[in-house]
Amino acid sequence: MRAIPYLEKKIDNFLILVAGDYTNIAGGSVKEHVDTLSKKFPERVKFVGHLKFDDLVAFYNLIDVLVLPSVDPLEAFGMVQVEAMLCGTPVIATDMPGVRAVVQKTGIGRLVRKRDPQDLADKVLDVKDHPVEIERTLLAEFNYDLSIDKYESLFAGLNGSVKN
């Protein structure tokens, strides 16, 4: 939301949709902070709340870009990025270990410096001005079933080395 003033200089008509439960997240609630920022831009920020699984595809198809501006070092990955990309939506994610993995491996989106609203606005504008063609095969490595198989294989290997 701190990128809004920078975006307003370049884009006349835009809306930020905040999806999900921002009161109960890993690393603690950001509700007070988000509420304070959103009150400065009531015409630009709308809260859609928690989305049911069946509504996710419609949501990802509605938005032009998914922004995952994570600042929490405990954020491990952000599967929401893969979900958005599978629906044809590019991603802007924070350049942090784990969080950056999907954009780095696929090239579907941009990475942004942590806590840098100007950089975030610049990346949004870059995605707007240079649309990304999404090649779904780039996302094969993030397939749910494949991921589960890898975890099971890893734990099976560990199980053999652990003595009771």
C-alpha atoms as a PDB file:
ATOM      1  CA  MET A   1       0.000   0.000   0.000  1.00  0.00           C
ATOM      2  CA  ARG A   2       2.972   2.285   0.497  1.00  0.00           C
ATOM      3  CA  ALA A   3       3.553   1.973  -3.274  1.00  0.00           C
ATOM      4  CA  ILE A   4       0.183   3.593  -4.057  1.00  0.00           C
ATOM      5  CA  PRO A   5       1.495   7.189  -4.251  1.00  0.00           C
ATOM      6  CA  TYR A   6       4.147   6.082  -6.760  1.00  0.00           C
ATOM      7  CA  LEU A   7       1.584   4.146  -8.798  1.00  0.00           C
ATOM      8  CA  GLU A   8      -0.837   7.082  -8.843  1.00  0.00           C
ATOM      9  CA  LYS A   9       1.790   9.151 -10.660  1.00  0.00           C
ATOM     10  CA  LYS A  10       1.765   6.681 -13.578  1.00  0.00           C
ATOM     11  CA  ILE A  11      -1.619   4.896 -13.579  1.00  0.00           C
ATOM     12  CA  ASP A  12      -4.995   6.601 -13.413  1.00  0.00           C
ATOM     13  CA  ASN A  13      -7.236   3.666 -12.716  1.00  0.00           C
ATOM     14  CA  PHE A  14      -6.167   0.798 -10.472  1.00  0.00           C
ATOM     15  CA  LEU A  15      -7.422  -1.110  -7.475  1.00  0.00           C
ATOM     16  CA  ILE A  16      -5.594  -3.203  -4.910  1.00  0.00           C
ATOM     17  CA  LEU A  17      -7.523  -6.260  -3.777  1.00  0.00           C
ATOM     18  CA  VAL A  18      -6.399  -7.727  -0.472  1.00  0.00           C
ATOM     19  CA  ALA A  19      -7.347 -11.384  -0.241  1.00  0.00           C
ATOM     20  CA  GLY A  20      -6.988 -13.721   2.684  1.00  0.00           C
ATOM     21  CA  ASP A  21      -6.970 -13.453   6.435  1.00  0.00           C
ATOM     22  CA  TYR A  22      -4.401 -10.834   7.349  1.00  0.00           C
ATOM     23  CA  THR A  23      -5.209 -11.097  11.065  1.00  0.00           C
ATOM     24  CA  ASN A  24      -3.950 -14.616  11.605  1.00  0.00           C
ATOM     25  CA  ILE A  25      -0.752 -15.163   9.671  1.00  0.00           C
ATOM     26  CA  ALA A  26       2.616 -16.718  10.411  1.00  0.00           C
ATOM     27  CA  GLY A  27       4.863 -14.211  12.119  1.00  0.00           C
ATOM     28  CA  GLY A  28       1.949 -12.383  13.730  1.00  0.00           C
ATOM     29  CA  SER A  29      -0.966 -10.224  12.740  1.00  0.00           C
ATOM     30  CA  VAL A  30      -0.443  -7.283  10.406  1.00  0.00           C
ATOM     31  CA  LYS A  31      -4.047  -6.143  10.796  1.00  0.00           C
ATOM     32  CA  GLU A  32      -3.337  -2.852  12.580  1.00  0.00           C
ATOM     33  CA  HIS A  33      -0.666  -1.863  10.072  1.00  0.00           C
ATOM     34  CA  VAL A  34      -2.756  -2.840   7.033  1.00  0.00           C
ATOM     35  CA  ASP A  35      -5.859  -1.122   8.390  1.00  0.00           C
ATOM     36  CA  THR A  36      -3.940   2.110   9.035  1.00  0.00           C
ATOM     37  CA  LEU A  37      -2.461   2.148   5.525  1.00  0.00           C
ATOM     38  CA  SER A  38      -5.718   1.219   3.798  1.00  0.00           C
ATOM     39  CA  LYS A  39      -7.583   4.111   5.462  1.00  0.00           C
ATOM     40  CA  LYS A  40      -5.271   6.516   3.618  1.00  0.00           C
ATOM     41  CA  PHE A  41      -6.446   5.113   0.264  1.00  0.00           C
ATOM     42  CA  PRO A  42     -10.067   3.962   0.665  1.00  0.00           C
ATOM     43  CA  GLU A  43     -10.774   4.321  -3.062  1.00  0.00           C
ATOM     44  CA  ARG A  44      -7.746   2.193  -3.980  1.00  0.00           C
ATOM     45  CA  VAL A  45      -7.899  -0.696  -1.495  1.00  0.00           C
ATOM     46  CA  LYS A  46     -10.668  -3.282  -1.191  1.00  0.00           C
ATOM     47  CA  PHE A  47     -10.679  -6.304   1.097  1.00  0.00           C
ATOM     48  CA  VAL A  48     -12.167  -9.479  -0.331  1.00  0.00           C
ATOM     49  CA  GLY A  49     -11.427 -11.655   2.701  1.00  0.00           C
ATOM     50  CA  HIS A  50     -10.783 -15.359   2.715  1.00  0.00           C
ATOM     51  CA  LEU A  51     -11.489 -16.974  -0.632  1.00  0.00           C
ATOM     52  CA  LYS A  52     -12.882 -20.479  -0.900  1.00  0.00           C
ATOM     53  CA  PHE A  53     -10.916 -22.893  -3.047  1.00  0.00           C
ATOM     54  CA  ASP A  54     -13.553 -22.725  -5.783  1.00  0.00           C
ATOM     55  CA  ASP A  55     -13.222 -18.913  -5.951  1.00  0.00           C
ATOM     56  CA  LEU A  56      -9.437 -18.821  -6.327  1.00  0.00           C
ATOM     57  CA  VAL A  57      -9.327 -19.416 -10.080  1.00  0.00           C
ATOM     58  CA  ALA A  58     -11.854 -16.625 -10.679  1.00  0.00           C
ATOM     59  CA  PHE A  59      -9.847 -14.307  -8.426  1.00  0.00           C
ATOM     60  CA  TYR A  60      -6.517 -15.057 -10.148  1.00  0.00           C
ATOM     61  CA  ASN A  61      -8.151 -14.509 -13.533  1.00  0.00           C
ATOM     62  CA  LEU A  62      -9.582 -11.187 -12.353  1.00  0.00           C
ATOM     63  CA  ILE A  63      -6.308  -9.622 -11.248  1.00  0.00           C
ATOM     64  CA  ASP A  64      -3.549  -8.353 -13.548  1.00  0.00           C
ATOM     65  CA  VAL A  65      -0.696  -9.215 -11.196  1.00  0.00           C
ATOM     66  CA  LEU A  66      -0.344 -10.995  -7.865  1.00  0.00           C
ATOM     67  CA  VAL A  67       1.895  -9.164  -5.408  1.00  0.00           C
ATOM     68  CA  LEU A  68       3.474 -11.108  -2.553  1.00  0.00           C
ATOM     69  CA  PRO A  69       5.328  -8.362  -0.653  1.00  0.00           C
ATOM     70  CA  SER A  70       6.565 -10.625   2.117  1.00  0.00           C
ATOM     71  CA  VAL A  71       8.916  -9.167   4.718  1.00  0.00           C
ATOM     72  CA  ASP A  72       8.849 -12.056   7.190  1.00  0.00           C
ATOM     73  CA  PRO A  73      12.029 -14.165   7.106  1.00  0.00           C
ATOM     74  CA  LEU A  74       9.891 -17.146   8.145  1.00  0.00           C
ATOM     75  CA  GLU A  75       7.940 -16.985   4.856  1.00  0.00           C
ATOM     76  CA  ALA A  76       9.144 -20.187   3.288  1.00  0.00           C
ATOM     77  CA  PHE A  77       7.682 -20.242  -0.205  1.00  0.00           C
ATOM     78  CA  GLY A  78       4.245 -18.860  -1.004  1.00  0.00           C
ATOM     79  CA  MET A  79       2.336 -21.466  -3.011  1.00  0.00           C
ATOM     80  CA  VAL A  80      -0.065 -18.665  -3.938  1.00  0.00           C
ATOM     81  CA  GLN A  81       2.514 -17.659  -6.570  1.00  0.00           C
ATOM     82  CA  VAL A  82       2.263 -20.981  -8.392  1.00  0.00           C
ATOM     83  CA  GLU A  83      -1.535 -20.914  -8.195  1.00  0.00           C
ATOM     84  CA  ALA A  84      -1.632 -17.449  -9.764  1.00  0.00           C
ATOM     85  CA  MET A  85       0.847 -18.377 -12.495  1.00  0.00           C
ATOM     86  CA  LEU A  86      -1.139 -21.499 -13.381  1.00  0.00           C
ATOM     87  CA  CYS A  87      -4.076 -19.160 -14.029  1.00  0.00           C
ATOM     88  CA  GLY A  88      -1.948 -16.968 -16.293  1.00  0.00           C
ATOM     89  CA  THR A  89      -1.276 -14.238 -13.735  1.00  0.00           C
ATOM     90  CA  PRO A  90       2.284 -12.925 -13.319  1.00  0.00           C
ATOM     91  CA  VAL A  91       3.752 -12.430  -9.854  1.00  0.00           C
ATOM     92  CA  ILE A  92       5.770  -9.805  -8.065  1.00  0.00           C
ATOM     93  CA  ALA A  93       7.448 -11.301  -5.018  1.00  0.00           C
ATOM     94  CA  THR A  94       9.962 -10.096  -2.476  1.00  0.00           C
ATOM     95  CA  ASP A  95      13.555 -11.024  -3.242  1.00  0.00           C
ATOM     96  CA  MET A  96      14.009 -13.212  -0.161  1.00  0.00           C
ATOM     97  CA  PRO A  97      15.123 -16.828   0.196  1.00  0.00           C
ATOM     98  CA  GLY A  98      12.226 -19.183  -0.466  1.00  0.00           C
ATOM     99  CA  VAL A  99       9.814 -16.471  -1.572  1.00  0.00           C
ATOM    100  CA  ARG A 100      11.880 -15.670  -4.675  1.00  0.00           C
ATOM    101  CA  ALA A 101      12.235 -19.297  -5.802  1.00  0.00           C
ATOM    102  CA  VAL A 102       9.186 -19.472  -8.081  1.00  0.00           C
ATOM    103  CA  VAL A 103       9.891 -16.236  -9.951  1.00  0.00           C
ATOM    104  CA  GLN A 104      13.597 -17.080 -10.210  1.00  0.00           C
ATOM    105  CA  LYS A 105      12.972 -20.546 -11.612  1.00  0.00           C
ATOM    106  CA  THR A 106      10.174 -19.586 -14.011  1.00  0.00           C
ATOM    107  CA  GLY A 107      10.855 -15.973 -14.954  1.00  0.00           C
ATOM    108  CA  ILE A 108       7.107 -15.348 -14.654  1.00  0.00           C
ATOM    109  CA  GLY A 109       7.130 -12.018 -12.881  1.00  0.00           C
ATOM    110  CA  ARG A 110       9.542  -9.764 -11.072  1.00  0.00           C
ATOM    111  CA  LEU A 111      11.415  -9.685  -7.784  1.00  0.00           C
ATOM    112  CA  VAL A 112      11.263  -6.622  -5.568  1.00  0.00           C
ATOM    113  CA  ARG A 113      13.507  -5.370  -2.792  1.00  0.00           C
ATOM    114  CA  LYS A 114      12.103  -5.837   0.695  1.00  0.00           C
ATOM    115  CA  ARG A 115      10.276  -2.787   2.113  1.00  0.00           C
ATOM    116  CA  ASP A 116      10.894  -0.683  -1.000  1.00  0.00           C
ATOM    117  CA  PRO A 117       7.601   0.851  -2.218  1.00  0.00           C
ATOM    118  CA  GLN A 118       9.248   2.665  -5.138  1.00  0.00           C
ATOM    119  CA  ASP A 119      10.788  -0.579  -6.397  1.00  0.00           C
ATOM    120  CA  LEU A 120       7.439  -2.334  -5.987  1.00  0.00           C
ATOM    121  CA  ALA A 121       5.648   0.364  -7.991  1.00  0.00           C
ATOM    122  CA  ASP A 122       8.345   0.181 -10.681  1.00  0.00           C
ATOM    123  CA  LYS A 123       7.924  -3.602 -10.944  1.00  0.00           C
ATOM    124  CA  VAL A 124       4.128  -3.314 -11.184  1.00  0.00           C
ATOM    125  CA  LEU A 125       4.540  -0.806 -14.002  1.00  0.00           C
ATOM    126  CA  ASP A 126       7.111  -3.044 -15.696  1.00  0.00           C
ATOM    127  CA  VAL A 127       4.727  -6.018 -15.644  1.00  0.00           C
ATOM    128  CA  LYS A 128       1.926  -3.774 -16.940  1.00  0.00           C
ATOM    129  CA  ASP A 129       4.062  -2.401 -19.776  1.00  0.00           C
ATOM    130  CA  HIS A 130       5.763  -5.716 -20.644  1.00  0.00           C
ATOM    131  CA  PRO A 131       3.244  -8.553 -20.258  1.00  0.00           C
ATOM    132  CA  VAL A 132       4.732 -11.957 -19.603  1.00  0.00           C
ATOM    133  CA  GLU A 133       3.693 -14.954 -21.683  1.00  0.00           C
ATOM    134  CA  ILE A 134       3.265 -17.781 -19.222  1.00  0.00           C
ATOM    135  CA  GLU A 135       4.637 -21.151 -20.252  1.00  0.00           C
ATOM    136  CA  ARG A 136       2.907 -23.696 -17.996  1.00  0.00           C
ATOM    137  CA  THR A 137       5.675 -26.256 -18.439  1.00  0.00           C
ATOM    138  CA  LEU A 138       7.921 -23.973 -16.398  1.00  0.00           C
ATOM    139  CA  LEU A 139       5.679 -24.691 -13.427  1.00  0.00           C
ATOM    140  CA  ALA A 140       5.890 -28.498 -13.660  1.00  0.00           C
ATOM    141  CA  GLU A 141       8.456 -28.681 -10.877  1.00  0.00           C
ATOM    142  CA  PHE A 142       5.930 -27.096  -8.475  1.00  0.00           C
ATOM    143  CA  ASN A 143       3.213 -29.702  -9.118  1.00  0.00           C
ATOM    144  CA  TYR A 144       1.472 -30.772  -5.884  1.00  0.00           C
ATOM    145  CA  ASP A 145       1.753 -34.501  -6.563  1.00  0.00           C
ATOM    146  CA  LEU A 146       5.415 -34.232  -7.531  1.00  0.00           C
ATOM    147  CA  SER A 147       6.139 -32.239  -4.371  1.00  0.00           C
ATOM    148  CA  ILE A 148       4.442 -34.848  -2.198  1.00  0.00           C
ATOM    149  CA  ASP A 149       6.393 -37.630  -3.920  1.00  0.00           C
ATOM    150  CA  LYS A 150       9.658 -35.780  -3.247  1.00  0.00           C
ATOM    151  CA  TYR A 151       8.808 -35.312   0.443  1.00  0.00           C
ATOM    152  CA  GLU A 152       7.816 -38.951   0.834  1.00  0.00           C
ATOM    153  CA  SER A 153      11.037 -40.048  -0.839  1.00  0.00           C
ATOM    154  CA  LEU A 154      13.061 -37.761   1.420  1.00  0.00           C
ATOM    155  CA  PHE A 155      11.376 -39.026   4.588  1.00  0.00           C
ATOM    156  CA  ALA A 156      11.649 -42.633   3.469  1.00  0.00           C
ATOM    157  CA  GLY A 157      15.400 -42.125   3.099  1.00  0.00           C
ATOM    158  CA  LEU A 158      15.620 -40.531   6.537  1.00  0.00           C
ATOM    159  CA  ASN A 159      13.566 -43.309   8.102  1.00  0.00           C
ATOM    160  CA  GLY A 160      16.171 -45.886   7.076  1.00  0.00           C
ATOM    161  CA  SER A 161      18.941 -43.905   8.787  1.00  0.00           C
ATOM    162  CA  VAL A 162      17.117 -43.341  12.076  1.00  0.00           C
ATOM    163  CA  LYS A 163      17.600 -45.942  14.796  1.00  0.00           C
ATOM    164  CA  ASN A 164      14.800 -46.669  17.269  1.00  0.00           C
END
